[in-house]
Amino acid sequence: MKLAAVASVLIFVAALQLKAHKVTSDYQLTPISLPGASGVVALDYFAYDRSTDRVWVPASNTGNVDVIDGSSDAVSQVTGFKTGEVELRGRKITLGPTAVSVGDGVVYIGNRGDSSLCVIDAQTLKRGECLQVGGSGGRAGRRCLCCGDKGVMDHNRRNTHRSGISRQDDPGV
C-alpha cells in the first residue's frame, strides 16, 4: 500500500514537471500616447481581445475609444461618442465611453456620457447600433448589463441585444 502511494506521488510530480513551462521576463514596458488625450484619461475598464490581438481603451473624456494593436502598438480610434458633464465627488468632470467588454466578433462599449451601450465590429472597428440603457447624467452604471459572447442582457429592461443587429424580449438569456 505504501509503495503504491509513493509511486502515485512520484507520477504526479513528474506530470507537474511535464506541464510546467518556464516563465520568461523578456517583456518591455512601452508608454503609448493616446490621441487627443491631455493629462489623465478616465475609464472604468479596458479589455484585451485575444482573437484580434487588440487592447480596447475607452478614453472617456476624449469621447473616443482607442484600440491598440498588440503586435505593433499602433493606435486606431473609434470616434464620435457623446460626452456629458457629471458631478463626481463634488466636482464636474467630462465623461464619455468608460467601459468595454469583448464578445464574439464584437466589442461592447458602455458610455456614461449619454447612458448608452454601443456595439463595435471587432475586425473593422465600425460602430453599429447604440442602445439607451439608463437615464441621463451618467446613470448607466445603475443598470445591470451582462455581456457575453453572443449578446448583452439588460436585466432591468429584459431586453437582449444580440451582436449589434437587433433587440428582442428574452428573459431567459
Protein backbone atom coordinates (compact mmCIF):
# COMPACT_ATOMS: atom_id res chain seq x y z
CA MET A 1 0.00 0.00 0.00
CA LYS A 2 2.80 2.43 0.91
CA LEU A 3 4.65 1.60 -2.27
CA ALA A 4 1.55 2.45 -4.36
CA ALA A 5 1.15 5.80 -2.56
CA VAL A 6 4.81 6.70 -3.14
CA ALA A 7 4.53 5.69 -6.81
CA SER A 8 1.40 7.83 -7.21
CA VAL A 9 3.13 10.86 -5.73
CA LEU A 10 6.17 10.37 -8.00
CA ILE A 11 3.95 10.09 -11.09
CA PHE A 12 2.02 13.23 -10.03
CA VAL A 13 5.25 15.22 -9.51
CA ALA A 14 6.62 14.03 -12.85
CA ALA A 15 3.36 15.07 -14.58
CA LEU A 16 3.58 18.52 -12.99
CA GLN A 17 7.09 18.96 -14.31
CA LEU A 18 5.98 17.96 -17.82
CA LYS A 19 3.17 20.53 -17.78
CA ALA A 20 5.27 23.28 -16.25
CA HIS A 21 6.71 25.92 -18.51
CA LYS A 22 9.36 28.45 -17.85
CA VAL A 23 8.10 31.98 -17.40
CA THR A 24 10.39 34.47 -19.01
CA SER A 25 10.68 38.12 -18.23
CA ASP A 26 11.71 39.26 -21.70
CA TYR A 27 8.90 41.78 -21.95
CA GLN A 28 9.32 45.50 -22.04
CA LEU A 29 7.07 48.33 -20.91
CA THR A 30 6.48 50.98 -23.54
CA PRO A 31 4.43 54.13 -22.98
CA ILE A 32 1.79 54.63 -25.67
CA SER A 33 0.26 58.07 -26.16
CA LEU A 34 -3.48 58.14 -26.75
CA PRO A 35 -4.56 60.59 -29.49
CA GLY A 36 -6.44 63.62 -28.20
CA ALA A 37 -5.57 62.94 -24.57
CA SER A 38 -4.04 65.66 -22.49
CA GLY A 39 -3.44 64.63 -18.93
CA VAL A 40 -5.41 61.90 -17.19
CA VAL A 41 -7.83 59.75 -19.21
CA ALA A 42 -10.79 58.49 -17.18
CA LEU A 43 -12.12 54.97 -17.68
CA ASP A 44 -13.71 52.12 -15.76
CA TYR A 45 -12.44 49.09 -17.70
CA PHE A 46 -10.20 48.27 -20.63
CA ALA A 47 -10.03 44.87 -22.31
CA TYR A 48 -7.79 42.66 -24.41
CA ASP A 49 -9.32 40.85 -27.38
CA ARG A 50 -7.25 37.70 -27.89
CA SER A 51 -8.82 36.96 -31.30
CA THR A 52 -7.62 40.26 -32.80
CA ASP A 53 -4.61 40.94 -30.52
CA ARG A 54 -6.02 44.37 -29.65
CA VAL A 55 -6.32 46.31 -26.42
CA TRP A 56 -9.55 48.36 -26.18
CA VAL A 57 -9.25 51.57 -24.14
CA PRO A 58 -12.41 53.66 -23.71
CA ALA A 59 -10.79 57.09 -23.29
CA SER A 60 -13.79 58.66 -21.62
CA ASN A 61 -13.10 62.37 -21.51
CA THR A 62 -11.86 62.38 -25.13
CA GLY A 63 -15.13 60.93 -26.47
CA ASN A 64 -13.17 58.19 -28.26
CA VAL A 65 -12.28 54.55 -27.85
CA ASP A 66 -8.61 53.90 -28.57
CA VAL A 67 -7.69 50.50 -29.96
CA ILE A 68 -4.06 49.44 -29.60
CA ASP A 69 -2.63 46.76 -31.90
CA GLY A 70 -0.79 44.26 -29.71
CA SER A 71 1.95 43.49 -32.22
CA SER A 72 2.78 46.98 -33.49
CA ASP A 73 1.49 49.31 -30.71
CA ALA A 74 -0.30 51.32 -33.44
CA VAL A 75 -3.34 53.17 -32.08
CA SER A 76 -6.61 53.34 -34.02
CA GLN A 77 -9.71 55.19 -32.85
CA VAL A 78 -13.43 54.69 -32.83
CA THR A 79 -14.64 58.28 -32.61
CA GLY A 80 -17.81 60.26 -32.11
CA PHE A 81 -19.05 59.04 -28.74
CA LYS A 82 -21.12 61.58 -26.84
CA THR A 83 -19.68 63.06 -23.70
CA GLY A 84 -21.51 64.66 -20.83
CA GLU A 85 -20.68 66.58 -17.71
CA VAL A 86 -21.35 64.76 -14.44
CA GLU A 87 -20.64 65.55 -10.83
CA LEU A 88 -18.19 63.26 -9.09
CA ARG A 89 -17.13 63.87 -5.51
CA GLY A 90 -18.24 67.47 -5.66
CA ARG A 91 -16.59 68.42 -8.95
CA LYS A 92 -17.83 68.44 -12.52
CA ILE A 93 -15.99 66.16 -14.92
CA THR A 94 -16.48 65.17 -18.55
CA LEU A 95 -17.34 61.52 -19.13
CA GLY A 96 -17.93 59.54 -22.29
CA PRO A 97 -17.13 55.91 -23.09
CA THR A 98 -15.77 54.31 -19.90
CA ALA A 99 -16.25 50.53 -20.13
CA VAL A 100 -15.62 47.73 -22.62
CA SER A 101 -16.50 44.06 -22.89
CA VAL A 102 -15.32 41.73 -25.67
CA GLY A 103 -17.88 39.45 -27.34
CA ASP A 104 -17.86 37.07 -30.29
CA GLY A 105 -16.65 39.30 -33.16
CA VAL A 106 -17.99 42.41 -31.45
CA VAL A 107 -16.94 44.73 -28.66
CA TYR A 108 -19.47 46.43 -26.37
CA ILE A 109 -18.76 49.98 -25.19
CA GLY A 110 -20.54 51.46 -22.17
CA ASN A 111 -20.88 55.25 -22.35
CA ARG A 112 -21.54 57.27 -19.20
CA GLY A 113 -21.79 60.43 -21.27
CA ASP A 114 -25.22 59.50 -22.64
CA SER A 115 -26.02 56.24 -20.78
CA SER A 116 -25.73 54.08 -23.87
CA LEU A 117 -24.25 50.76 -24.86
CA CYS A 118 -22.74 50.62 -28.35
CA VAL A 119 -21.61 47.67 -30.44
CA ILE A 120 -18.35 47.83 -32.41
CA ASP A 121 -17.26 45.31 -35.04
CA ALA A 122 -14.04 43.83 -33.62
CA GLN A 123 -12.38 43.48 -37.03
CA THR A 124 -13.37 46.65 -38.91
CA LEU A 125 -13.80 48.95 -35.87
CA LYS A 126 -17.08 50.17 -37.38
CA ARG A 127 -19.63 51.33 -34.83
CA GLY A 128 -23.01 49.64 -35.00
CA GLU A 129 -26.21 50.18 -33.08
CA CYS A 130 -26.27 52.03 -29.76
CA LEU A 131 -28.89 51.21 -27.14
CA GLN A 132 -30.03 53.58 -24.39
CA VAL A 133 -29.68 51.75 -21.08
CA GLY A 134 -30.34 54.37 -18.45
CA GLY A 135 -31.21 57.94 -17.64
CA SER A 136 -29.05 60.94 -18.42
CA GLY A 137 -26.19 62.14 -16.29
CA GLY A 138 -24.02 59.05 -16.22
CA ARG A 139 -26.54 56.78 -14.55
CA ALA A 140 -25.96 53.81 -16.84
CA GLY A 141 -23.95 52.20 -14.05
CA ARG A 142 -27.15 51.66 -12.07
CA ARG A 143 -28.37 49.12 -14.59
CA CYS A 144 -27.21 45.52 -14.66
CA LEU A 145 -25.69 44.75 -18.05
CA CYS A 146 -24.23 41.30 -18.60
CA CYS A 147 -22.08 40.92 -21.69
CA GLY A 148 -21.49 37.51 -23.21
CA ASP A 149 -20.15 36.05 -26.42
CA LYS A 150 -23.40 36.46 -28.33
CA GLY A 151 -25.07 39.49 -26.78
CA VAL A 152 -25.90 41.73 -23.86
CA MET A 153 -28.69 41.28 -21.34
CA ASP A 154 -30.18 44.34 -19.68
CA HIS A 155 -31.71 42.80 -16.54
CA ASN A 156 -33.75 45.89 -15.68
CA ARG A 157 -35.49 46.06 -19.05
CA ARG A 158 -35.29 42.40 -20.01
CA ASN A 159 -34.06 43.32 -23.49
CA THR A 160 -31.38 41.35 -25.22
CA HIS A 161 -29.02 42.98 -27.68
CA ARG A 162 -27.56 40.32 -29.93
CA SER A 163 -24.34 41.06 -31.81
CA GLY A 164 -25.35 44.62 -32.66
CA ILE A 165 -28.14 43.52 -35.01
CA SER A 166 -31.40 43.53 -33.06
CA ARG A 167 -33.13 43.62 -29.70
CA GLN A 168 -35.72 41.16 -28.59
CA ASP A 169 -37.56 40.31 -25.39
CA ASP A 170 -35.88 37.23 -23.99
CA PRO A 171 -35.97 36.97 -20.20
CA GLY A 172 -34.30 33.57 -20.33
CA VAL A 173 -30.95 34.77 -21.66
